[in-house]
Amino acid sequence: MFYIVCYDISDDRARYRVVKALKGFGVRVQKSVFQCPDLSEKQLLELQEKMASLIDHTVDSVHYFRLCRACLREVEWTGIGSKPVADAFRVV
């Protein structure tokens, strides 16, 4: 499944660790937003456990947005960039 993962991390060191971990699962598209295409349920759980171990639960947050194929076809944006979500999920 395709996921958008975004975070708000207050501590620089923790943020660095979160970014490093997320790079193993997806592609950074903005400072605090990653696209994670083709994550299996097992990979998603692994990612969520990793994020939970890295953040301060009293001030930080990580959000996971699952997008289906139909949703990916409806993605819109303004500004620079291309539509990597469709390519990454192989939507035809």
PDB file of N, CA and C in Angstrom:
ATOM      1  N   MET A   1       0.843  -1.168   0.000  1.00  0.00           N
ATOM      2  CA  MET A   1       0.000   0.000   0.000  1.00  0.00           C
ATOM      3  C   MET A   1       0.894   1.239   0.000  1.00  0.00           C
ATOM      4  N   PHE A   2       0.359   2.337  -0.426  1.00  0.00           N
ATOM      5  CA  PHE A   2       1.093   3.602  -0.517  1.00  0.00           C
ATOM      6  C   PHE A   2       0.767   4.463   0.706  1.00  0.00           C
ATOM      7  N   TYR A   3       1.786   4.993   1.352  1.00  0.00           N
ATOM      8  CA  TYR A   3       1.595   5.835   2.538  1.00  0.00           C
ATOM      9  C   TYR A   3       2.310   7.158   2.386  1.00  0.00           C
ATOM     10  N   ILE A   4       1.670   8.184   2.899  1.00  0.00           N
ATOM     11  CA  ILE A   4       2.306   9.472   3.110  1.00  0.00           C
ATOM     12  C   ILE A   4       2.583   9.534   4.610  1.00  0.00           C
ATOM     13  N   VAL A   5       3.815   9.805   4.977  1.00  0.00           N
ATOM     14  CA  VAL A   5       4.186   9.891   6.386  1.00  0.00           C
ATOM     15  C   VAL A   5       4.693  11.308   6.635  1.00  0.00           C
ATOM     16  N   CYS A   6       4.100  11.961   7.619  1.00  0.00           N
ATOM     17  CA  CYS A   6       4.560  13.295   7.974  1.00  0.00           C
ATOM     18  C   CYS A   6       4.784  13.356   9.481  1.00  0.00           C
ATOM     19  N   TYR A   7       5.666  14.241   9.869  1.00  0.00           N
ATOM     20  CA  TYR A   7       6.045  14.280  11.280  1.00  0.00           C
ATOM     21  C   TYR A   7       6.264  15.705  11.739  1.00  0.00           C
ATOM     22  N   ASP A   8       6.175  15.889  13.040  1.00  0.00           N
ATOM     23  CA  ASP A   8       6.509  17.137  13.706  1.00  0.00           C
ATOM     24  C   ASP A   8       7.346  16.739  14.921  1.00  0.00           C
ATOM     25  N   ILE A   9       8.644  16.922  14.820  1.00  0.00           N
ATOM     26  CA  ILE A   9       9.590  16.497  15.846  1.00  0.00           C
ATOM     27  C   ILE A   9      10.306  17.734  16.376  1.00  0.00           C
ATOM     28  N   SER A  10      10.283  17.926  17.689  1.00  0.00           N
ATOM     29  CA  SER A  10      10.851  19.144  18.274  1.00  0.00           C
ATOM     30  C   SER A  10      12.374  19.095  18.443  1.00  0.00           C
ATOM     31  N   ASP A  11      12.919  17.941  18.763  1.00  0.00           N
ATOM     32  CA  ASP A  11      14.345  17.807  19.047  1.00  0.00           C
ATOM     33  C   ASP A  11      15.136  17.515  17.773  1.00  0.00           C
ATOM     34  N   ASP A  12      16.203  18.257  17.529  1.00  0.00           N
ATOM     35  CA  ASP A  12      17.008  18.087  16.316  1.00  0.00           C
ATOM     36  C   ASP A  12      17.575  16.673  16.181  1.00  0.00           C
ATOM     37  N   ARG A  13      18.111  16.138  17.259  1.00  0.00           N
ATOM     38  CA  ARG A  13      18.706  14.808  17.216  1.00  0.00           C
ATOM     39  C   ARG A  13      17.648  13.738  16.888  1.00  0.00           C
ATOM     40  N   ALA A  14      16.507  13.826  17.527  1.00  0.00           N
ATOM     41  CA  ALA A  14      15.421  12.876  17.262  1.00  0.00           C
ATOM     42  C   ALA A  14      14.931  13.029  15.825  1.00  0.00           C
ATOM     43  N   ARG A  15      14.817  14.264  15.348  1.00  0.00           N
ATOM     44  CA  ARG A  15      14.370  14.510  13.978  1.00  0.00           C
ATOM     45  C   ARG A  15      15.335  13.893  12.978  1.00  0.00           C
ATOM     46  N   TYR A  16      16.620  14.040  13.220  1.00  0.00           N
ATOM     47  CA  TYR A  16      17.632  13.439  12.350  1.00  0.00           C
ATOM     48  C   TYR A  16      17.460  11.912  12.295  1.00  0.00           C
ATOM     49  N   ARG A  17      17.233  11.306  13.443  1.00  0.00           N
ATOM     50  CA  ARG A  17      17.055   9.848  13.505  1.00  0.00           C
ATOM     51  C   ARG A  17      15.786   9.406  12.787  1.00  0.00           C
ATOM     52  N   VAL A  18      14.732  10.186  12.930  1.00  0.00           N
ATOM     53  CA  VAL A  18      13.473   9.871  12.242  1.00  0.00           C
ATOM     54  C   VAL A  18      13.670   9.949  10.731  1.00  0.00           C
ATOM     55  N   VAL A  19      14.325  11.004  10.269  1.00  0.00           N
ATOM     56  CA  VAL A  19      14.579  11.160   8.832  1.00  0.00           C
ATOM     57  C   VAL A  19      15.429  10.007   8.311  1.00  0.00           C
ATOM     58  N   LYS A  20      16.459   9.661   9.035  1.00  0.00           N
ATOM     59  CA  LYS A  20      17.342   8.560   8.616  1.00  0.00           C
ATOM     60  C   LYS A  20      16.556   7.258   8.509  1.00  0.00           C
ATOM     61  N   ALA A  21      15.689   6.990   9.469  1.00  0.00           N
ATOM     62  CA  ALA A  21      14.873   5.775   9.435  1.00  0.00           C
ATOM     63  C   ALA A  21      13.884   5.810   8.274  1.00  0.00           C
ATOM     64  N   LEU A  22      13.238   6.945   8.063  1.00  0.00           N
ATOM     65  CA  LEU A  22      12.247   7.047   6.987  1.00  0.00           C
ATOM     66  C   LEU A  22      12.865   6.883   5.607  1.00  0.00           C
ATOM     67  N   LYS A  23      14.112   7.315   5.447  1.00  0.00           N
ATOM     68  CA  LYS A  23      14.781   7.164   4.149  1.00  0.00           C
ATOM     69  C   LYS A  23      14.909   5.696   3.755  1.00  0.00           C
ATOM     70  N   GLY A  24      14.871   4.793   4.722  1.00  0.00           N
ATOM     71  CA  GLY A  24      14.908   3.374   4.423  1.00  0.00           C
ATOM     72  C   GLY A  24      13.575   2.821   3.945  1.00  0.00           C
ATOM     73  N   PHE A  25      12.521   3.623   4.038  1.00  0.00           N
ATOM     74  CA  PHE A  25      11.184   3.168   3.668  1.00  0.00           C
ATOM     75  C   PHE A  25      10.563   3.961   2.527  1.00  0.00           C
ATOM     76  N   GLY A  26      11.092   5.151   2.263  1.00  0.00           N
ATOM     77  CA  GLY A  26      10.449   5.979   1.257  1.00  0.00           C
ATOM     78  C   GLY A  26      11.323   7.109   0.766  1.00  0.00           C
ATOM     79  N   VAL A  27      10.663   8.084   0.140  1.00  0.00           N
ATOM     80  CA  VAL A  27      11.338   9.207  -0.501  1.00  0.00           C
ATOM     81  C   VAL A  27      10.845  10.505   0.128  1.00  0.00           C
ATOM     82  N   ARG A  28      11.779  11.346   0.481  1.00  0.00           N
ATOM     83  CA  ARG A  28      11.425  12.642   1.069  1.00  0.00           C
ATOM     84  C   ARG A  28      10.907  13.559  -0.029  1.00  0.00           C
ATOM     85  N   VAL A  29       9.727  14.147   0.195  1.00  0.00           N
ATOM     86  CA  VAL A  29       9.162  15.069  -0.786  1.00  0.00           C
ATOM     87  C   VAL A  29       9.058  16.490  -0.239  1.00  0.00           C
ATOM     88  N   GLN A  30       9.119  16.651   1.057  1.00  0.00           N
ATOM     89  CA  GLN A  30       9.212  17.945   1.716  1.00  0.00           C
ATOM     90  C   GLN A  30       9.981  17.720   3.007  1.00  0.00           C
ATOM     91  N   LYS A  31      10.297  18.792   3.709  1.00  0.00           N
ATOM     92  CA  LYS A  31      11.123  18.645   4.914  1.00  0.00           C
ATOM     93  C   LYS A  31      10.571  17.624   5.898  1.00  0.00           C
ATOM     94  N   SER A  32       9.280  17.604   6.101  1.00  0.00           N
ATOM     95  CA  SER A  32       8.712  16.677   7.086  1.00  0.00           C
ATOM     96  C   SER A  32       7.693  15.725   6.485  1.00  0.00           C
ATOM     97  N   VAL A  33       7.828  15.452   5.181  1.00  0.00           N
ATOM     98  CA  VAL A  33       6.879  14.574   4.494  1.00  0.00           C
ATOM     99  C   VAL A  33       7.626  13.566   3.627  1.00  0.00           C
ATOM    100  N   PHE A  34       7.246  12.309   3.773  1.00  0.00           N
ATOM    101  CA  PHE A  34       7.812  11.228   2.973  1.00  0.00           C
ATOM    102  C   PHE A  34       6.709  10.482   2.245  1.00  0.00           C
ATOM    103  N   GLN A  35       7.010  10.020   1.038  1.00  0.00           N
ATOM    104  CA  GLN A  35       6.136   9.096   0.323  1.00  0.00           C
ATOM    105  C   GLN A  35       6.750   7.719   0.481  1.00  0.00           C
ATOM    106  N   CYS A  36       5.943   6.766   0.923  1.00  0.00           N
ATOM    107  CA  CYS A  36       6.406   5.396   1.121  1.00  0.00           C
ATOM    108  C   CYS A  36       5.554   4.466   0.274  1.00  0.00           C
ATOM    109  N   PRO A  37       5.981   4.186  -0.953  1.00  0.00           N
ATOM    110  CA  PRO A  37       5.193   3.344  -1.848  1.00  0.00           C
ATOM    111  C   PRO A  37       5.395   1.857  -1.550  1.00  0.00           C
ATOM    112  N   ASP A  38       4.383   1.098  -1.831  1.00  0.00           N
ATOM    113  CA  ASP A  38       4.470  -0.369  -1.761  1.00  0.00           C
ATOM    114  C   ASP A  38       4.896  -0.903  -0.400  1.00  0.00           C
ATOM    115  N   LEU A  39       4.433  -0.319   0.685  1.00  0.00           N
ATOM    116  CA  LEU A  39       4.736  -0.854   2.015  1.00  0.00           C
ATOM    117  C   LEU A  39       3.818  -2.025   2.308  1.00  0.00           C
ATOM    118  N   SER A  40       4.400  -3.120   2.721  1.00  0.00           N
ATOM    119  CA  SER A  40       3.594  -4.248   3.175  1.00  0.00           C
ATOM    120  C   SER A  40       3.106  -3.947   4.597  1.00  0.00           C
ATOM    121  N   GLU A  41       2.158  -4.723   5.064  1.00  0.00           N
ATOM    122  CA  GLU A  41       1.659  -4.539   6.429  1.00  0.00           C
ATOM    123  C   GLU A  41       2.799  -4.707   7.431  1.00  0.00           C
ATOM    124  N   LYS A  42       3.654  -5.684   7.175  1.00  0.00           N
ATOM    125  CA  LYS A  42       4.791  -5.939   8.053  1.00  0.00           C
ATOM    126  C   LYS A  42       5.752  -4.747   8.067  1.00  0.00           C
ATOM    127  N   GLN A  43       6.029  -4.175   6.897  1.00  0.00           N
ATOM    128  CA  GLN A  43       6.921  -3.013   6.820  1.00  0.00           C
ATOM    129  C   GLN A  43       6.312  -1.806   7.518  1.00  0.00           C
ATOM    130  N   LEU A  44       5.003  -1.621   7.364  1.00  0.00           N
ATOM    131  CA  LEU A  44       4.341  -0.504   8.030  1.00  0.00           C
ATOM    132  C   LEU A  44       4.456  -0.648   9.545  1.00  0.00           C
ATOM    133  N   LEU A  45       4.204  -1.841  10.058  1.00  0.00           N
ATOM    134  CA  LEU A  45       4.319  -2.060  11.504  1.00  0.00           C
ATOM    135  C   LEU A  45       5.742  -1.841  11.983  1.00  0.00           C
ATOM    136  N   GLU A  46       6.707  -2.284  11.197  1.00  0.00           N
ATOM    137  CA  GLU A  46       8.122  -2.072  11.532  1.00  0.00           C
ATOM    138  C   GLU A  46       8.433  -0.574  11.576  1.00  0.00           C
ATOM    139  N   LEU A  47       7.938   0.167  10.591  1.00  0.00           N
ATOM    140  CA  LEU A  47       8.155   1.605  10.541  1.00  0.00           C
ATOM    141  C   LEU A  47       7.498   2.288  11.740  1.00  0.00           C
ATOM    142  N   GLN A  48       6.275   1.920  12.056  1.00  0.00           N
ATOM    143  CA  GLN A  48       5.569   2.529  13.185  1.00  0.00           C
ATOM    144  C   GLN A  48       6.266   2.238  14.509  1.00  0.00           C
ATOM    145  N   GLU A  49       6.750   1.027  14.678  1.00  0.00           N
ATOM    146  CA  GLU A  49       7.488   0.691  15.899  1.00  0.00           C
ATOM    147  C   GLU A  49       8.779   1.500  15.995  1.00  0.00           C
ATOM    148  N   LYS A  50       9.459   1.638  14.866  1.00  0.00           N
ATOM    149  CA  LYS A  50      10.712   2.399  14.840  1.00  0.00           C
ATOM    150  C   LYS A  50      10.445   3.860  15.204  1.00  0.00           C
ATOM    151  N   MET A  51       9.421   4.448  14.594  1.00  0.00           N
ATOM    152  CA  MET A  51       9.092   5.845  14.884  1.00  0.00           C
ATOM    153  C   MET A  51       8.711   6.017  16.350  1.00  0.00           C
ATOM    154  N   ALA A  52       7.939   5.091  16.884  1.00  0.00           N
ATOM    155  CA  ALA A  52       7.512   5.169  18.287  1.00  0.00           C
ATOM    156  C   ALA A  52       8.706   5.134  19.232  1.00  0.00           C
ATOM    157  N   SER A  53       9.756   4.420  18.842  1.00  0.00           N
ATOM    158  CA  SER A  53      10.936   4.329  19.701  1.00  0.00           C
ATOM    159  C   SER A  53      11.827   5.569  19.610  1.00  0.00           C
ATOM    160  N   LEU A  54      11.636   6.383  18.577  1.00  0.00           N
ATOM    161  CA  LEU A  54      12.513   7.530  18.351  1.00  0.00           C
ATOM    162  C   LEU A  54      11.952   8.862  18.836  1.00  0.00           C
ATOM    163  N   ILE A  55      10.645   8.950  18.998  1.00  0.00           N
ATOM    164  CA  ILE A  55      10.053  10.250  19.313  1.00  0.00           C
ATOM    165  C   ILE A  55       9.726  10.402  20.795  1.00  0.00           C
ATOM    166  N   ASP A  56       9.528  11.637  21.182  1.00  0.00           N
ATOM    167  CA  ASP A  56       9.052  11.965  22.533  1.00  0.00           C
ATOM    168  C   ASP A  56       7.535  12.080  22.420  1.00  0.00           C
ATOM    169  N   HIS A  57       6.829  11.135  22.972  1.00  0.00           N
ATOM    170  CA  HIS A  57       5.375  11.045  22.811  1.00  0.00           C
ATOM    171  C   HIS A  57       4.614  12.190  23.470  1.00  0.00           C
ATOM    172  N   THR A  58       5.290  12.995  24.266  1.00  0.00           N
ATOM    173  CA  THR A  58       4.611  14.112  24.916  1.00  0.00           C
ATOM    174  C   THR A  58       4.609  15.384  24.058  1.00  0.00           C
ATOM    175  N   VAL A  59       5.510  15.467  23.062  1.00  0.00           N
ATOM    176  CA  VAL A  59       5.582  16.679  22.245  1.00  0.00           C
ATOM    177  C   VAL A  59       5.669  16.431  20.740  1.00  0.00           C
ATOM    178  N   ASP A  60       6.000  15.219  20.311  1.00  0.00           N
ATOM    179  CA  ASP A  60       6.203  14.909  18.897  1.00  0.00           C
ATOM    180  C   ASP A  60       5.016  14.128  18.330  1.00  0.00           C
ATOM    181  N   SER A  61       4.935  14.115  16.998  1.00  0.00           N
ATOM    182  CA  SER A  61       3.901  13.311  16.352  1.00  0.00           C
ATOM    183  C   SER A  61       4.375  12.813  14.999  1.00  0.00           C
ATOM    184  N   VAL A  62       3.861  11.646  14.617  1.00  0.00           N
ATOM    185  CA  VAL A  62       4.083  11.074  13.291  1.00  0.00           C
ATOM    186  C   VAL A  62       2.713  10.604  12.806  1.00  0.00           C
ATOM    187  N   HIS A  63       2.369  10.992  11.573  1.00  0.00           N
ATOM    188  CA  HIS A  63       1.082  10.619  10.998  1.00  0.00           C
ATOM    189  C   HIS A  63       1.313   9.755   9.761  1.00  0.00           C
ATOM    190  N   TYR A  64       0.453   8.758   9.575  1.00  0.00           N
ATOM    191  CA  TYR A  64       0.538   7.823   8.452  1.00  0.00           C
ATOM    192  C   TYR A  64      -0.781   7.900   7.679  1.00  0.00           C
ATOM    193  N   PHE A  65      -0.704   8.307   6.419  1.00  0.00           N
ATOM    194  CA  PHE A  65      -1.898   8.416   5.588  1.00  0.00           C
ATOM    195  C   PHE A  65      -1.820   7.375   4.479  1.00  0.00           C
ATOM    196  N   ARG A  66      -2.744   6.442   4.486  1.00  0.00           N
ATOM    197  CA  ARG A  66      -2.777   5.399   3.455  1.00  0.00           C
ATOM    198  C   ARG A  66      -3.576   5.906   2.270  1.00  0.00           C
ATOM    199  N   LEU A  67      -3.020   5.730   1.073  1.00  0.00           N
ATOM    200  CA  LEU A  67      -3.704   6.141  -0.150  1.00  0.00           C
ATOM    201  C   LEU A  67      -3.904   4.938  -1.056  1.00  0.00           C
ATOM    202  N   CYS A  68      -5.138   4.751  -1.492  1.00  0.00           N
ATOM    203  CA  CYS A  68      -5.440   3.658  -2.418  1.00  0.00           C
ATOM    204  C   CYS A  68      -5.135   4.120  -3.848  1.00  0.00           C
ATOM    205  N   ARG A  69      -5.223   3.212  -4.788  1.00  0.00           N
ATOM    206  CA  ARG A  69      -4.945   3.556  -6.191  1.00  0.00           C
ATOM    207  C   ARG A  69      -5.851   4.672  -6.691  1.00  0.00           C
ATOM    208  N   ALA A  70      -7.130   4.589  -6.371  1.00  0.00           N
ATOM    209  CA  ALA A  70      -8.071   5.622  -6.816  1.00  0.00           C
ATOM    210  C   ALA A  70      -7.709   6.973  -6.217  1.00  0.00           C
ATOM    211  N   CYS A  71      -7.296   6.979  -4.962  1.00  0.00           N
ATOM    212  CA  CYS A  71      -6.898   8.236  -4.310  1.00  0.00           C
ATOM    213  C   CYS A  71      -5.665   8.830  -4.974  1.00  0.00           C
ATOM    214  N   LEU A  72      -4.725   7.985  -5.352  1.00  0.00           N
ATOM    215  CA  LEU A  72      -3.493   8.470  -5.988  1.00  0.00           C
ATOM    216  C   LEU A  72      -3.784   9.159  -7.307  1.00  0.00           C
ATOM    217  N   ARG A  73      -4.791   8.678  -8.030  1.00  0.00           N
ATOM    218  CA  ARG A  73      -5.152   9.310  -9.302  1.00  0.00           C
ATOM    219  C   ARG A  73      -5.688  10.724  -9.090  1.00  0.00           C
ATOM    220  N   GLU A  74      -6.164  10.992  -7.891  1.00  0.00           N
ATOM    221  CA  GLU A  74      -6.767  12.295  -7.583  1.00  0.00           C
ATOM    222  C   GLU A  74      -5.794  13.268  -6.916  1.00  0.00           C
ATOM    223  N   VAL A  75      -4.550  12.884  -6.736  1.00  0.00           N
ATOM    224  CA  VAL A  75      -3.573  13.754  -6.082  1.00  0.00           C
ATOM    225  C   VAL A  75      -3.342  14.995  -6.933  1.00  0.00           C
ATOM    226  N   GLU A  76      -3.376  16.149  -6.277  1.00  0.00           N
ATOM    227  CA  GLU A  76      -3.123  17.417  -6.941  1.00  0.00           C
ATOM    228  C   GLU A  76      -2.102  18.196  -6.132  1.00  0.00           C
ATOM    229  N   TRP A  77      -1.404  19.112  -6.772  1.00  0.00           N
ATOM    230  CA  TRP A  77      -0.455  19.962  -6.071  1.00  0.00           C
ATOM    231  C   TRP A  77      -0.251  21.228  -6.871  1.00  0.00           C
ATOM    232  N   THR A  78       0.344  22.201  -6.231  1.00  0.00           N
ATOM    233  CA  THR A  78       0.675  23.461  -6.870  1.00  0.00           C
ATOM    234  C   THR A  78       2.163  23.698  -6.665  1.00  0.00           C
ATOM    235  N   GLY A  79       2.836  24.167  -7.688  1.00  0.00           N
ATOM    236  CA  GLY A  79       4.255  24.454  -7.570  1.00  0.00           C
ATOM    237  C   GLY A  79       5.106  23.438  -8.303  1.00  0.00           C
ATOM    238  N   ILE A  80       6.373  23.399  -7.912  1.00  0.00           N
ATOM    239  CA  ILE A  80       7.329  22.548  -8.615  1.00  0.00           C
ATOM    240  C   ILE A  80       7.086  21.087  -8.294  1.00  0.00           C
ATOM    241  N   GLY A  81       7.659  20.228  -9.093  1.00  0.00           N
ATOM    242  CA  GLY A  81       7.579  18.793  -8.850  1.00  0.00           C
ATOM    243  C   GLY A  81       6.782  18.086  -9.926  1.00  0.00           C
ATOM    244  N   SER A  82       6.881  16.794  -9.884  1.00  0.00           N
ATOM    245  CA  SER A  82       6.109  15.964 -10.798  1.00  0.00           C
ATOM    246  C   SER A  82       5.205  15.076  -9.967  1.00  0.00           C
ATOM    247  N   LYS A  83       4.499  14.198 -10.601  1.00  0.00           N
ATOM    248  CA  LYS A  83       3.550  13.350  -9.885  1.00  0.00           C
ATOM    249  C   LYS A  83       4.202  12.008  -9.554  1.00  0.00           C
ATOM    250  N   PRO A  84       5.139  11.991  -8.603  1.00  0.00           N
ATOM    251  CA  PRO A  84       5.858  10.751  -8.294  1.00  0.00           C
ATOM    252  C   PRO A  84       4.973   9.688  -7.664  1.00  0.00           C
ATOM    253  N   VAL A  85       3.881  10.089  -7.049  1.00  0.00           N
ATOM    254  CA  VAL A  85       3.039   9.093  -6.390  1.00  0.00           C
ATOM    255  C   VAL A  85       2.494   8.098  -7.396  1.00  0.00           C
ATOM    256  N   ALA A  86       2.070   8.557  -8.548  1.00  0.00           N
ATOM    257  CA  ALA A  86       1.521   7.656  -9.555  1.00  0.00           C
ATOM    258  C   ALA A  86       2.598   6.712 -10.071  1.00  0.00           C
ATOM    259  N   ASP A  87       3.788   7.255 -10.333  1.00  0.00           N
ATOM    260  CA  ASP A  87       4.878   6.430 -10.823  1.00  0.00           C
ATOM    261  C   ASP A  87       5.319   5.400  -9.783  1.00  0.00           C
ATOM    262  N   ALA A  88       5.401   5.838  -8.550  1.00  0.00           N
ATOM    263  CA  ALA A  88       5.882   4.948  -7.489  1.00  0.00           C
ATOM    264  C   ALA A  88       4.903   3.804  -7.222  1.00  0.00           C
ATOM    265  N   PHE A  89       3.618   4.054  -7.419  1.00  0.00           N
ATOM    266  CA  PHE A  89       2.613   3.029  -7.133  1.00  0.00           C
ATOM    267  C   PHE A  89       2.179   2.311  -8.401  1.00  0.00           C
ATOM    268  N   ARG A  90       2.772   2.670  -9.513  1.00  0.00           N
ATOM    269  CA  ARG A  90       2.479   2.072 -10.791  1.00  0.00           C
ATOM    270  C   ARG A  90       0.984   2.122 -11.136  1.00  0.00           C
ATOM    271  N   VAL A  91       0.393   3.303 -10.970  1.00  0.00           N
ATOM    272  CA  VAL A  91      -1.002   3.495 -11.338  1.00  0.00           C
ATOM    273  C   VAL A  91      -1.062   3.690 -12.841  1.00  0.00           C
ATOM    274  N   VAL A  92      -1.956   3.007 -13.498  1.00  0.00           N
ATOM    275  CA  VAL A  92      -2.063   3.103 -14.955  1.00  0.00           C
ATOM    276  C   VAL A  92      -3.249   3.971 -15.319  1.00  0.00           C
TER     277      VAL A  92
END
